[in-house]
Amino acid sequence: MIRRSKLGIVKPINRLSLNTFSISPIPKNSSDALKDSQWRTAMYDEYNALVKNGTWILVPRSTSVNMVRSMSLFKHKFHADGTLSRYKARLIANGSSQQLGVDFDETFSPVVKPATIRMVLILVVFRQWLIHQLDVKNAFLNDDLSKTVYMHQPPGFVDSRYPYHVFLLQRSLYGLKQAPRAWF
């Protein structure tokens, strides 16, 4: 058997290269991200999309409610050829700060068995259906919450008119304990 390497055909994978001078490193926190224009743009895109979706309402903070912390996760997204596609920042709720019976009643973990995925793919091949890959910039859970959840304003996005107000979440947000159920 003749392999590509024996014929001198080499296709390097750029994202596996140690030479990453043109890509901003993944920040450790929001304040580091806000210092870099690429990550700052990704954070603003995420924040504006959540605002447009009506994810929260800004309300005065009450001392008698549990407050959920917010945080941002950062990731590089790559094209199939290994080149950088975009910088992705996701604002999430830190579900570990939720309290059972206060912010949520139950948790839900969706699990798909590999056999189910194989069965669906067999059906697709048998019926000759087309398969498409979908990569979206922002995915939303789009489900109203059954419990009231209050979240701190995220660092870098505190409303200067109401710096002590908090978000009353209207829609499920990544990281909440009840978020996976909203997908189903």
N, C-alpha and C. Protein backbone atom coordinates (compact mmCIF):
# COMPACT_ATOMS: atom_id res chain seq x y z
N MET A 1 0.85 -1.17 0.00
CA MET A 1 0.00 0.00 0.00
C MET A 1 0.90 1.24 0.00
N ILE A 2 0.59 2.16 -0.87
CA ILE A 2 1.34 3.40 -0.95
C ILE A 2 0.58 4.49 -0.22
N ARG A 3 1.24 5.10 0.73
CA ARG A 3 0.60 6.16 1.50
C ARG A 3 1.02 7.52 0.95
N ARG A 4 0.22 8.53 1.29
CA ARG A 4 0.51 9.89 0.81
C ARG A 4 1.89 10.35 1.25
N SER A 5 2.29 9.98 2.45
CA SER A 5 3.59 10.44 2.95
C SER A 5 4.73 9.88 2.11
N LYS A 6 4.60 8.66 1.59
CA LYS A 6 5.64 8.07 0.74
C LYS A 6 5.72 8.78 -0.61
N LEU A 7 4.61 9.36 -1.04
CA LEU A 7 4.60 10.09 -2.30
C LEU A 7 4.97 11.56 -2.11
N GLY A 8 5.22 11.95 -0.87
CA GLY A 8 5.60 13.32 -0.59
C GLY A 8 4.42 14.28 -0.48
N ILE A 9 3.21 13.73 -0.36
CA ILE A 9 2.02 14.56 -0.21
C ILE A 9 1.78 14.79 1.27
N VAL A 10 1.90 16.03 1.69
CA VAL A 10 1.72 16.38 3.10
C VAL A 10 0.72 17.52 3.19
N LYS A 11 -0.25 17.35 4.04
CA LYS A 11 -1.25 18.41 4.26
C LYS A 11 -1.19 18.77 5.74
N PRO A 12 -0.45 19.84 6.08
CA PRO A 12 -0.36 20.22 7.49
C PRO A 12 -1.67 20.76 8.02
N ILE A 13 -1.91 20.49 9.27
CA ILE A 13 -3.10 21.02 9.94
C ILE A 13 -2.64 22.23 10.74
N ASN A 14 -3.00 23.42 10.26
CA ASN A 14 -2.50 24.67 10.85
C ASN A 14 -2.84 24.82 12.32
N ARG A 15 -4.02 24.39 12.75
CA ARG A 15 -4.39 24.61 14.15
C ARG A 15 -3.60 23.72 15.10
N LEU A 16 -2.95 22.65 14.56
CA LEU A 16 -2.11 21.82 15.40
C LEU A 16 -0.68 22.32 15.46
N SER A 17 -0.38 23.31 14.65
CA SER A 17 0.95 23.89 14.62
C SER A 17 1.17 24.70 15.89
N LEU A 18 2.41 24.74 16.34
CA LEU A 18 2.74 25.54 17.51
C LEU A 18 2.89 27.01 17.16
N ASN A 19 2.87 27.33 15.90
CA ASN A 19 3.01 28.70 15.44
C ASN A 19 1.64 29.36 15.39
N THR A 20 1.23 29.99 16.48
CA THR A 20 -0.10 30.59 16.56
C THR A 20 -0.03 32.10 16.75
N PHE A 21 0.98 32.73 16.16
CA PHE A 21 1.18 34.16 16.38
C PHE A 21 0.04 35.01 15.87
N SER A 22 -0.74 34.54 14.91
CA SER A 22 -1.80 35.38 14.36
C SER A 22 -3.13 35.20 15.09
N ILE A 23 -3.20 34.28 16.02
CA ILE A 23 -4.44 34.03 16.75
C ILE A 23 -4.27 34.50 18.18
N SER A 24 -5.20 35.32 18.64
CA SER A 24 -5.16 35.77 20.03
C SER A 24 -5.42 34.58 20.95
N PRO A 25 -4.63 34.42 22.00
CA PRO A 25 -4.83 33.28 22.90
C PRO A 25 -6.18 33.37 23.60
N ILE A 26 -6.68 32.22 24.03
CA ILE A 26 -7.95 32.17 24.75
C ILE A 26 -7.75 32.84 26.11
N PRO A 27 -8.57 33.86 26.41
CA PRO A 27 -8.40 34.57 27.68
C PRO A 27 -8.85 33.74 28.87
N LYS A 28 -8.29 34.05 30.02
CA LYS A 28 -8.63 33.34 31.25
C LYS A 28 -9.88 33.90 31.91
N ASN A 29 -10.19 35.18 31.62
CA ASN A 29 -11.37 35.79 32.23
C ASN A 29 -11.87 36.93 31.34
N SER A 30 -13.01 37.49 31.72
CA SER A 30 -13.64 38.55 30.92
C SER A 30 -12.79 39.81 30.84
N SER A 31 -12.12 40.18 31.92
CA SER A 31 -11.33 41.41 31.87
C SER A 31 -10.16 41.27 30.91
N ASP A 32 -9.54 40.09 30.84
CA ASP A 32 -8.48 39.87 29.85
C ASP A 32 -9.06 39.92 28.44
N ALA A 33 -10.23 39.34 28.25
CA ALA A 33 -10.86 39.31 26.93
C ALA A 33 -11.22 40.70 26.44
N LEU A 34 -11.67 41.56 27.33
CA LEU A 34 -12.07 42.90 26.94
C LEU A 34 -10.88 43.76 26.49
N LYS A 35 -9.66 43.36 26.82
CA LYS A 35 -8.46 44.08 26.40
C LYS A 35 -8.07 43.76 24.96
N ASP A 36 -8.59 42.66 24.41
CA ASP A 36 -8.26 42.23 23.05
C ASP A 36 -9.45 42.52 22.14
N SER A 37 -9.22 43.21 21.03
CA SER A 37 -10.32 43.64 20.16
C SER A 37 -11.09 42.46 19.57
N GLN A 38 -10.41 41.36 19.25
CA GLN A 38 -11.10 40.19 18.68
C GLN A 38 -12.08 39.58 19.70
N TRP A 39 -11.59 39.37 20.92
CA TRP A 39 -12.44 38.77 21.95
C TRP A 39 -13.52 39.74 22.40
N ARG A 40 -13.19 41.04 22.46
CA ARG A 40 -14.18 42.05 22.85
C ARG A 40 -15.34 42.05 21.86
N THR A 41 -15.03 41.97 20.56
CA THR A 41 -16.08 41.91 19.54
C THR A 41 -16.94 40.66 19.71
N ALA A 42 -16.31 39.53 20.00
CA ALA A 42 -17.06 38.28 20.21
C ALA A 42 -17.98 38.40 21.42
N MET A 43 -17.50 39.04 22.48
CA MET A 43 -18.32 39.23 23.68
C MET A 43 -19.51 40.15 23.41
N TYR A 44 -19.27 41.24 22.67
CA TYR A 44 -20.36 42.16 22.34
C TYR A 44 -21.39 41.48 21.44
N ASP A 45 -20.93 40.66 20.50
CA ASP A 45 -21.86 39.92 19.63
C ASP A 45 -22.77 39.02 20.45
N GLU A 46 -22.19 38.29 21.40
CA GLU A 46 -22.97 37.39 22.25
C GLU A 46 -23.95 38.18 23.12
N TYR A 47 -23.46 39.23 23.76
CA TYR A 47 -24.29 40.05 24.64
C TYR A 47 -25.47 40.66 23.87
N ASN A 48 -25.18 41.26 22.72
CA ASN A 48 -26.23 41.89 21.92
C ASN A 48 -27.26 40.88 21.41
N ALA A 49 -26.82 39.68 21.07
CA ALA A 49 -27.75 38.65 20.64
C ALA A 49 -28.67 38.24 21.79
N LEU A 50 -28.14 38.14 23.00
CA LEU A 50 -28.96 37.79 24.16
C LEU A 50 -29.95 38.90 24.48
N VAL A 51 -29.53 40.15 24.35
CA VAL A 51 -30.43 41.29 24.58
C VAL A 51 -31.55 41.27 23.55
N LYS A 52 -31.18 41.06 22.28
CA LYS A 52 -32.17 41.03 21.19
C LYS A 52 -33.19 39.91 21.40
N ASN A 53 -32.74 38.82 21.99
CA ASN A 53 -33.62 37.67 22.23
C ASN A 53 -34.51 37.85 23.46
N GLY A 54 -34.30 38.92 24.22
CA GLY A 54 -35.12 39.16 25.41
C GLY A 54 -34.81 38.18 26.52
N THR A 55 -33.54 37.85 26.69
CA THR A 55 -33.14 36.86 27.68
C THR A 55 -33.34 37.34 29.11
N TRP A 56 -33.27 38.65 29.35
CA TRP A 56 -33.39 39.16 30.71
C TRP A 56 -34.04 40.53 30.77
N ILE A 57 -34.41 40.90 32.01
CA ILE A 57 -34.92 42.24 32.31
C ILE A 57 -34.05 42.75 33.46
N LEU A 58 -33.63 44.01 33.36
CA LEU A 58 -32.83 44.63 34.41
C LEU A 58 -33.76 45.12 35.52
N VAL A 59 -33.54 44.63 36.76
CA VAL A 59 -34.41 44.97 37.89
C VAL A 59 -33.56 45.34 39.10
N PRO A 60 -34.15 46.10 40.05
CA PRO A 60 -33.41 46.42 41.29
C PRO A 60 -33.11 45.13 42.05
N ARG A 61 -31.95 45.10 42.69
CA ARG A 61 -31.54 43.92 43.45
C ARG A 61 -32.24 43.86 44.79
N SER A 62 -32.76 42.70 45.11
CA SER A 62 -33.38 42.46 46.41
C SER A 62 -32.41 41.62 47.23
N THR A 63 -32.31 41.90 48.49
CA THR A 63 -31.39 41.15 49.35
C THR A 63 -31.91 39.76 49.69
N SER A 64 -33.19 39.52 49.46
CA SER A 64 -33.79 38.25 49.88
C SER A 64 -33.78 37.18 48.78
N VAL A 65 -33.12 37.43 47.65
CA VAL A 65 -33.12 36.45 46.56
C VAL A 65 -31.73 35.86 46.37
N ASN A 66 -31.69 34.66 45.86
CA ASN A 66 -30.42 34.02 45.53
C ASN A 66 -29.90 34.60 44.21
N MET A 67 -28.63 34.95 44.19
CA MET A 67 -28.03 35.52 42.99
C MET A 67 -27.14 34.48 42.31
N VAL A 68 -27.37 34.29 41.02
CA VAL A 68 -26.56 33.38 40.21
C VAL A 68 -25.45 34.21 39.56
N ARG A 69 -24.24 33.70 39.62
CA ARG A 69 -23.11 34.38 38.99
C ARG A 69 -23.12 34.14 37.49
N SER A 70 -22.53 35.06 36.76
CA SER A 70 -22.38 34.88 35.32
C SER A 70 -20.90 34.77 35.01
N MET A 71 -20.60 34.15 33.89
CA MET A 71 -19.21 34.05 33.44
C MET A 71 -19.20 33.87 31.93
N SER A 72 -18.07 34.05 31.35
CA SER A 72 -17.94 33.89 29.90
C SER A 72 -16.99 32.74 29.60
N LEU A 73 -17.33 32.00 28.57
CA LEU A 73 -16.45 30.94 28.07
C LEU A 73 -15.96 31.37 26.70
N PHE A 74 -14.71 31.07 26.39
CA PHE A 74 -14.10 31.51 25.15
C PHE A 74 -13.56 30.32 24.38
N LYS A 75 -13.68 30.41 23.05
CA LYS A 75 -13.23 29.30 22.21
C LYS A 75 -12.91 29.82 20.82
N HIS A 76 -11.89 29.24 20.21
CA HIS A 76 -11.62 29.50 18.80
C HIS A 76 -12.45 28.52 17.97
N LYS A 77 -13.07 28.99 16.91
CA LYS A 77 -13.80 28.13 15.98
C LYS A 77 -12.99 28.05 14.70
N PHE A 78 -12.82 26.84 14.15
CA PHE A 78 -11.99 26.64 12.98
C PHE A 78 -12.80 26.11 11.80
N HIS A 79 -12.34 26.44 10.60
CA HIS A 79 -12.89 25.85 9.38
C HIS A 79 -12.37 24.43 9.27
N ALA A 80 -12.92 23.66 8.35
CA ALA A 80 -12.49 22.28 8.17
C ALA A 80 -11.02 22.18 7.78
N ASP A 81 -10.49 23.20 7.10
CA ASP A 81 -9.08 23.16 6.69
C ASP A 81 -8.12 23.60 7.79
N GLY A 82 -8.64 23.91 8.97
CA GLY A 82 -7.80 24.28 10.09
C GLY A 82 -7.57 25.76 10.27
N THR A 83 -8.07 26.58 9.36
CA THR A 83 -7.90 28.03 9.50
C THR A 83 -8.95 28.57 10.47
N LEU A 84 -8.59 29.68 11.10
CA LEU A 84 -9.48 30.28 12.09
C LEU A 84 -10.75 30.81 11.44
N SER A 85 -11.89 30.41 11.97
CA SER A 85 -13.18 30.87 11.46
C SER A 85 -13.60 32.13 12.21
N ARG A 86 -13.60 32.05 13.55
CA ARG A 86 -14.03 33.18 14.36
C ARG A 86 -13.69 32.95 15.82
N TYR A 87 -13.81 34.00 16.57
CA TYR A 87 -13.67 33.95 18.02
C TYR A 87 -15.07 33.81 18.59
N LYS A 88 -15.26 32.88 19.52
CA LYS A 88 -16.57 32.63 20.10
C LYS A 88 -16.53 32.88 21.60
N ALA A 89 -17.40 33.77 22.05
CA ALA A 89 -17.56 34.02 23.48
C ALA A 89 -18.99 33.66 23.84
N ARG A 90 -19.17 32.94 24.91
CA ARG A 90 -20.52 32.57 25.34
C ARG A 90 -20.72 33.01 26.78
N LEU A 91 -21.76 33.82 27.00
CA LEU A 91 -22.12 34.25 28.34
C LEU A 91 -23.00 33.16 28.94
N ILE A 92 -22.59 32.65 30.09
CA ILE A 92 -23.35 31.58 30.72
C ILE A 92 -23.64 31.93 32.16
N ALA A 93 -24.64 31.27 32.71
CA ALA A 93 -24.95 31.38 34.13
C ALA A 93 -24.17 30.29 34.84
N ASN A 94 -23.65 30.59 35.99
CA ASN A 94 -22.91 29.61 36.77
C ASN A 94 -23.93 28.84 37.62
N GLY A 95 -24.39 27.72 37.09
CA GLY A 95 -25.45 26.94 37.73
C GLY A 95 -25.08 26.40 39.09
N SER A 96 -23.78 26.35 39.41
CA SER A 96 -23.39 25.82 40.72
C SER A 96 -23.82 26.75 41.85
N SER A 97 -24.18 28.00 41.50
CA SER A 97 -24.64 28.93 42.54
C SER A 97 -26.17 28.91 42.68
N GLN A 98 -26.84 28.02 41.96
CA GLN A 98 -28.29 27.89 42.11
C GLN A 98 -28.62 27.04 43.34
N GLN A 99 -29.82 27.23 43.87
CA GLN A 99 -30.25 26.47 45.05
C GLN A 99 -31.52 25.70 44.72
N LEU A 100 -31.51 24.41 45.03
CA LEU A 100 -32.65 23.54 44.79
C LEU A 100 -33.87 24.08 45.53
N GLY A 101 -35.00 24.19 44.84
CA GLY A 101 -36.23 24.68 45.42
C GLY A 101 -36.37 26.20 45.36
N VAL A 102 -35.25 26.90 45.13
CA VAL A 102 -35.28 28.36 45.02
C VAL A 102 -35.20 28.76 43.56
N ASP A 103 -34.13 28.33 42.89
CA ASP A 103 -33.92 28.67 41.48
C ASP A 103 -34.36 27.57 40.52
N PHE A 104 -34.45 26.36 41.00
CA PHE A 104 -34.83 25.24 40.14
C PHE A 104 -35.44 24.13 40.98
N ASP A 105 -36.25 23.29 40.31
CA ASP A 105 -36.89 22.17 41.00
C ASP A 105 -36.24 20.84 40.68
N GLU A 106 -35.75 20.71 39.46
CA GLU A 106 -35.15 19.44 39.05
C GLU A 106 -34.09 19.71 38.01
N THR A 107 -33.19 18.73 37.86
CA THR A 107 -32.19 18.83 36.80
C THR A 107 -32.54 17.79 35.74
N PHE A 108 -31.95 17.97 34.58
CA PHE A 108 -32.27 17.09 33.46
C PHE A 108 -31.02 16.94 32.61
N SER A 109 -30.59 15.71 32.36
CA SER A 109 -29.43 15.46 31.51
C SER A 109 -29.85 14.64 30.30
N PRO A 110 -29.91 15.29 29.14
CA PRO A 110 -30.26 14.54 27.94
C PRO A 110 -29.09 13.65 27.52
N VAL A 111 -29.40 12.41 27.21
CA VAL A 111 -28.38 11.47 26.78
C VAL A 111 -28.87 10.79 25.50
N VAL A 112 -28.03 10.81 24.50
CA VAL A 112 -28.35 10.11 23.25
C VAL A 112 -27.38 8.95 23.13
N LYS A 113 -27.92 7.76 22.99
CA LYS A 113 -27.08 6.58 22.88
C LYS A 113 -26.49 6.50 21.47
N PRO A 114 -25.25 6.02 21.36
CA PRO A 114 -24.64 5.87 20.03
C PRO A 114 -25.48 5.01 19.08
N ALA A 115 -26.17 4.02 19.62
CA ALA A 115 -27.00 3.15 18.78
C ALA A 115 -28.14 3.95 18.14
N THR A 116 -28.67 4.94 18.85
CA THR A 116 -29.73 5.78 18.31
C THR A 116 -29.20 6.62 17.16
N ILE A 117 -28.01 7.18 17.32
CA ILE A 117 -27.41 7.98 16.25
C ILE A 117 -27.14 7.11 15.02
N ARG A 118 -26.62 5.91 15.24
CA ARG A 118 -26.37 4.98 14.11
C ARG A 118 -27.68 4.65 13.39
N MET A 119 -28.75 4.42 14.15
CA MET A 119 -30.03 4.08 13.55
C MET A 119 -30.55 5.23 12.68
N VAL A 120 -30.42 6.45 13.17
CA VAL A 120 -30.87 7.60 12.39
C VAL A 120 -30.04 7.72 11.11
N LEU A 121 -28.73 7.54 11.21
CA LEU A 121 -27.88 7.62 10.03
C LEU A 121 -28.18 6.50 9.03
N ILE A 122 -28.48 5.31 9.52
CA ILE A 122 -28.87 4.21 8.63
C ILE A 122 -30.16 4.57 7.88
N LEU A 123 -31.11 5.14 8.61
CA LEU A 123 -32.36 5.57 7.99
C LEU A 123 -32.12 6.63 6.91
N VAL A 124 -31.23 7.56 7.20
CA VAL A 124 -30.89 8.61 6.24
C VAL A 124 -30.29 8.02 4.97
N VAL A 125 -29.36 7.09 5.13
CA VAL A 125 -28.72 6.46 3.97
C VAL A 125 -29.73 5.61 3.20
N PHE A 126 -30.53 4.83 3.91
CA PHE A 126 -31.51 3.95 3.26
C PHE A 126 -32.53 4.74 2.44
N ARG A 127 -32.98 5.86 2.98
CA ARG A 127 -33.97 6.69 2.27
C ARG A 127 -33.35 7.74 1.37
N GLN A 128 -32.03 7.78 1.34
CA GLN A 128 -31.27 8.70 0.49
C GLN A 128 -31.63 10.17 0.76
N TRP A 129 -31.74 10.49 2.04
CA TRP A 129 -32.00 11.87 2.44
C TRP A 129 -30.69 12.64 2.43
N LEU A 130 -30.78 13.93 2.26
CA LEU A 130 -29.59 14.77 2.32
C LEU A 130 -29.27 15.10 3.78
N ILE A 131 -27.99 15.18 4.07
CA ILE A 131 -27.56 15.56 5.41
C ILE A 131 -26.85 16.91 5.28
N HIS A 132 -27.22 17.83 6.15
CA HIS A 132 -26.58 19.14 6.15
C HIS A 132 -26.00 19.42 7.53
N GLN A 133 -24.87 20.08 7.54
CA GLN A 133 -24.29 20.51 8.80
C GLN A 133 -24.70 21.95 9.03
N LEU A 134 -25.05 22.27 10.24
CA LEU A 134 -25.47 23.61 10.58
C LEU A 134 -24.58 24.15 11.69
N ASP A 135 -23.95 25.27 11.44
CA ASP A 135 -23.14 25.94 12.45
C ASP A 135 -23.72 27.33 12.62
N VAL A 136 -24.26 27.60 13.78
CA VAL A 136 -24.90 28.89 14.02
C VAL A 136 -24.03 29.72 14.95
N LYS A 137 -24.10 31.03 14.79
CA LYS A 137 -23.32 31.92 15.64
C LYS A 137 -23.83 31.89 17.07
N ASN A 138 -25.11 31.97 17.22
CA ASN A 138 -25.71 31.96 18.55
C ASN A 138 -26.88 30.98 18.55
N ALA A 139 -26.88 30.08 19.51
CA ALA A 139 -28.00 29.17 19.67
C ALA A 139 -28.71 29.56 20.96
N PHE A 140 -30.01 29.57 20.92
CA PHE A 140 -30.76 29.98 22.10
C PHE A 140 -31.66 28.85 22.56
N LEU A 141 -31.86 28.80 23.84
CA LEU A 141 -32.74 27.79 24.39
C LEU A 141 -34.20 28.16 24.20
N ASN A 142 -34.49 29.46 24.10
CA ASN A 142 -35.83 29.96 23.78
C ASN A 142 -36.94 29.38 24.62
N ASP A 143 -36.68 29.11 25.85
CA ASP A 143 -37.75 28.59 26.70
C ASP A 143 -37.88 29.49 27.92
N ASP A 144 -39.12 29.77 28.30
CA ASP A 144 -39.35 30.56 29.49
C ASP A 144 -39.02 29.72 30.72
N LEU A 145 -38.54 30.38 31.75
CA LEU A 145 -38.20 29.68 32.99
C LEU A 145 -39.41 29.56 33.89
N SER A 146 -39.53 28.44 34.58
CA SER A 146 -40.66 28.25 35.49
C SER A 146 -40.36 28.85 36.86
N LYS A 147 -39.10 29.00 37.20
CA LYS A 147 -38.68 29.61 38.47
C LYS A 147 -38.00 30.94 38.17
N THR A 148 -38.12 31.88 39.06
CA THR A 148 -37.45 33.17 38.90
C THR A 148 -35.97 33.02 39.23
N VAL A 149 -35.13 33.45 38.30
CA VAL A 149 -33.68 33.37 38.49
C VAL A 149 -33.10 34.77 38.32
N TYR A 150 -32.29 35.18 39.30
CA TYR A 150 -31.63 36.48 39.28
C TYR A 150 -30.15 36.26 39.05
N MET A 151 -29.57 37.04 38.14
CA MET A 151 -28.16 36.88 37.80
C MET A 151 -27.46 38.24 37.84
N HIS A 152 -26.24 38.24 38.33
CA HIS A 152 -25.43 39.46 38.32
C HIS A 152 -25.20 39.93 36.89
N GLN A 153 -25.08 41.24 36.70
CA GLN A 153 -24.69 41.76 35.40
C GLN A 153 -23.26 41.29 35.12
N PRO A 154 -22.98 40.87 33.89
CA PRO A 154 -21.65 40.33 33.60
C PRO A 154 -20.57 41.42 33.62
N PRO A 155 -19.37 41.06 34.03
CA PRO A 155 -18.26 42.02 34.05
C PRO A 155 -18.05 42.61 32.64
N GLY A 156 -17.89 43.91 32.60
CA GLY A 156 -17.70 44.59 31.32
C GLY A 156 -18.99 45.04 30.67
N PHE A 157 -20.13 44.58 31.20
CA PHE A 157 -21.43 44.91 30.61
C PHE A 157 -22.40 45.44 31.66
N VAL A 158 -21.89 46.03 32.70
CA VAL A 158 -22.73 46.60 33.75
C VAL A 158 -23.31 47.91 33.23
N ASP A 159 -24.63 48.02 33.31
CA ASP A 159 -25.32 49.23 32.85
C ASP A 159 -24.93 50.40 33.75
N SER A 160 -24.31 51.44 33.16
CA SER A 160 -23.81 52.57 33.95
C SER A 160 -24.93 53.35 34.63
N ARG A 161 -26.16 53.30 34.07
CA ARG A 161 -27.29 53.99 34.70
C ARG A 161 -27.80 53.24 35.92
N TYR A 162 -27.66 51.90 35.90
CA TYR A 162 -28.18 51.06 36.98
C TYR A 162 -27.10 50.03 37.39
N PRO A 163 -26.00 50.49 37.97
CA PRO A 163 -24.90 49.57 38.27
C PRO A 163 -25.22 48.54 39.35
N TYR A 164 -26.23 48.80 40.19
CA TYR A 164 -26.57 47.88 41.27
C TYR A 164 -27.79 47.02 40.95
N HIS A 165 -28.32 47.16 39.74
CA HIS A 165 -29.44 46.31 39.32
C HIS A 165 -28.90 44.94 38.90
N VAL A 166 -29.81 44.00 38.80
CA VAL A 166 -29.46 42.63 38.39
C VAL A 166 -30.40 42.20 37.27
N PHE A 167 -30.07 41.09 36.65
CA PHE A 167 -30.91 40.55 35.59
C PHE A 167 -31.94 39.59 36.18
N LEU A 168 -33.21 39.76 35.81
CA LEU A 168 -34.25 38.77 36.08
C LEU A 168 -34.35 37.97 34.78
N LEU A 169 -33.81 36.74 34.77
CA LEU A 169 -33.78 35.94 33.55
C LEU A 169 -35.18 35.57 33.10
N GLN A 170 -35.48 35.87 31.85
CA GLN A 170 -36.76 35.56 31.23
C GLN A 170 -36.70 34.26 30.44
N ARG A 171 -35.53 33.95 29.94
CA ARG A 171 -35.33 32.76 29.12
C ARG A 171 -34.17 31.96 29.69
N SER A 172 -34.18 30.70 29.38
CA SER A 172 -33.13 29.82 29.87
C SER A 172 -31.79 30.23 29.25
N LEU A 173 -30.75 30.10 30.01
CA LEU A 173 -29.41 30.50 29.61
C LEU A 173 -28.48 29.33 29.86
N TYR A 174 -27.47 29.16 29.00
CA TYR A 174 -26.50 28.10 29.21
C TYR A 174 -25.96 28.15 30.63
N GLY A 175 -25.81 26.99 31.22
CA GLY A 175 -25.25 26.90 32.56
C GLY A 175 -26.27 26.72 33.65
N LEU A 176 -27.52 27.10 33.40
CA LEU A 176 -28.55 26.90 34.42
C LEU A 176 -28.87 25.42 34.54
N LYS A 177 -29.21 24.98 35.73
CA LYS A 177 -29.48 23.56 35.94
C LYS A 177 -30.69 23.07 35.15
N GLN A 178 -31.65 23.97 34.88
CA GLN A 178 -32.83 23.56 34.13
C GLN A 178 -32.67 23.78 32.62
N ALA A 179 -31.53 24.30 32.16
CA ALA A 179 -31.35 24.62 30.74
C ALA A 179 -31.48 23.40 29.81
N PRO A 180 -30.89 22.23 30.13
CA PRO A 180 -31.00 21.11 29.20
C PRO A 180 -32.46 20.70 28.91
N ARG A 181 -33.35 20.81 29.90
CA ARG A 181 -34.74 20.44 29.65
C ARG A 181 -35.37 21.38 28.63
N ALA A 182 -34.94 22.64 28.61
CA ALA A 182 -35.50 23.61 27.69
C ALA A 182 -35.26 23.20 26.23
N TRP A 183 -34.17 22.47 25.98
CA TRP A 183 -33.90 22.02 24.61
C TRP A 183 -34.91 20.98 24.18
N PHE A 184 -35.47 20.25 25.15
CA PHE A 184 -36.42 19.18 24.80
C PHE A 184 -37.82 19.67 25.03
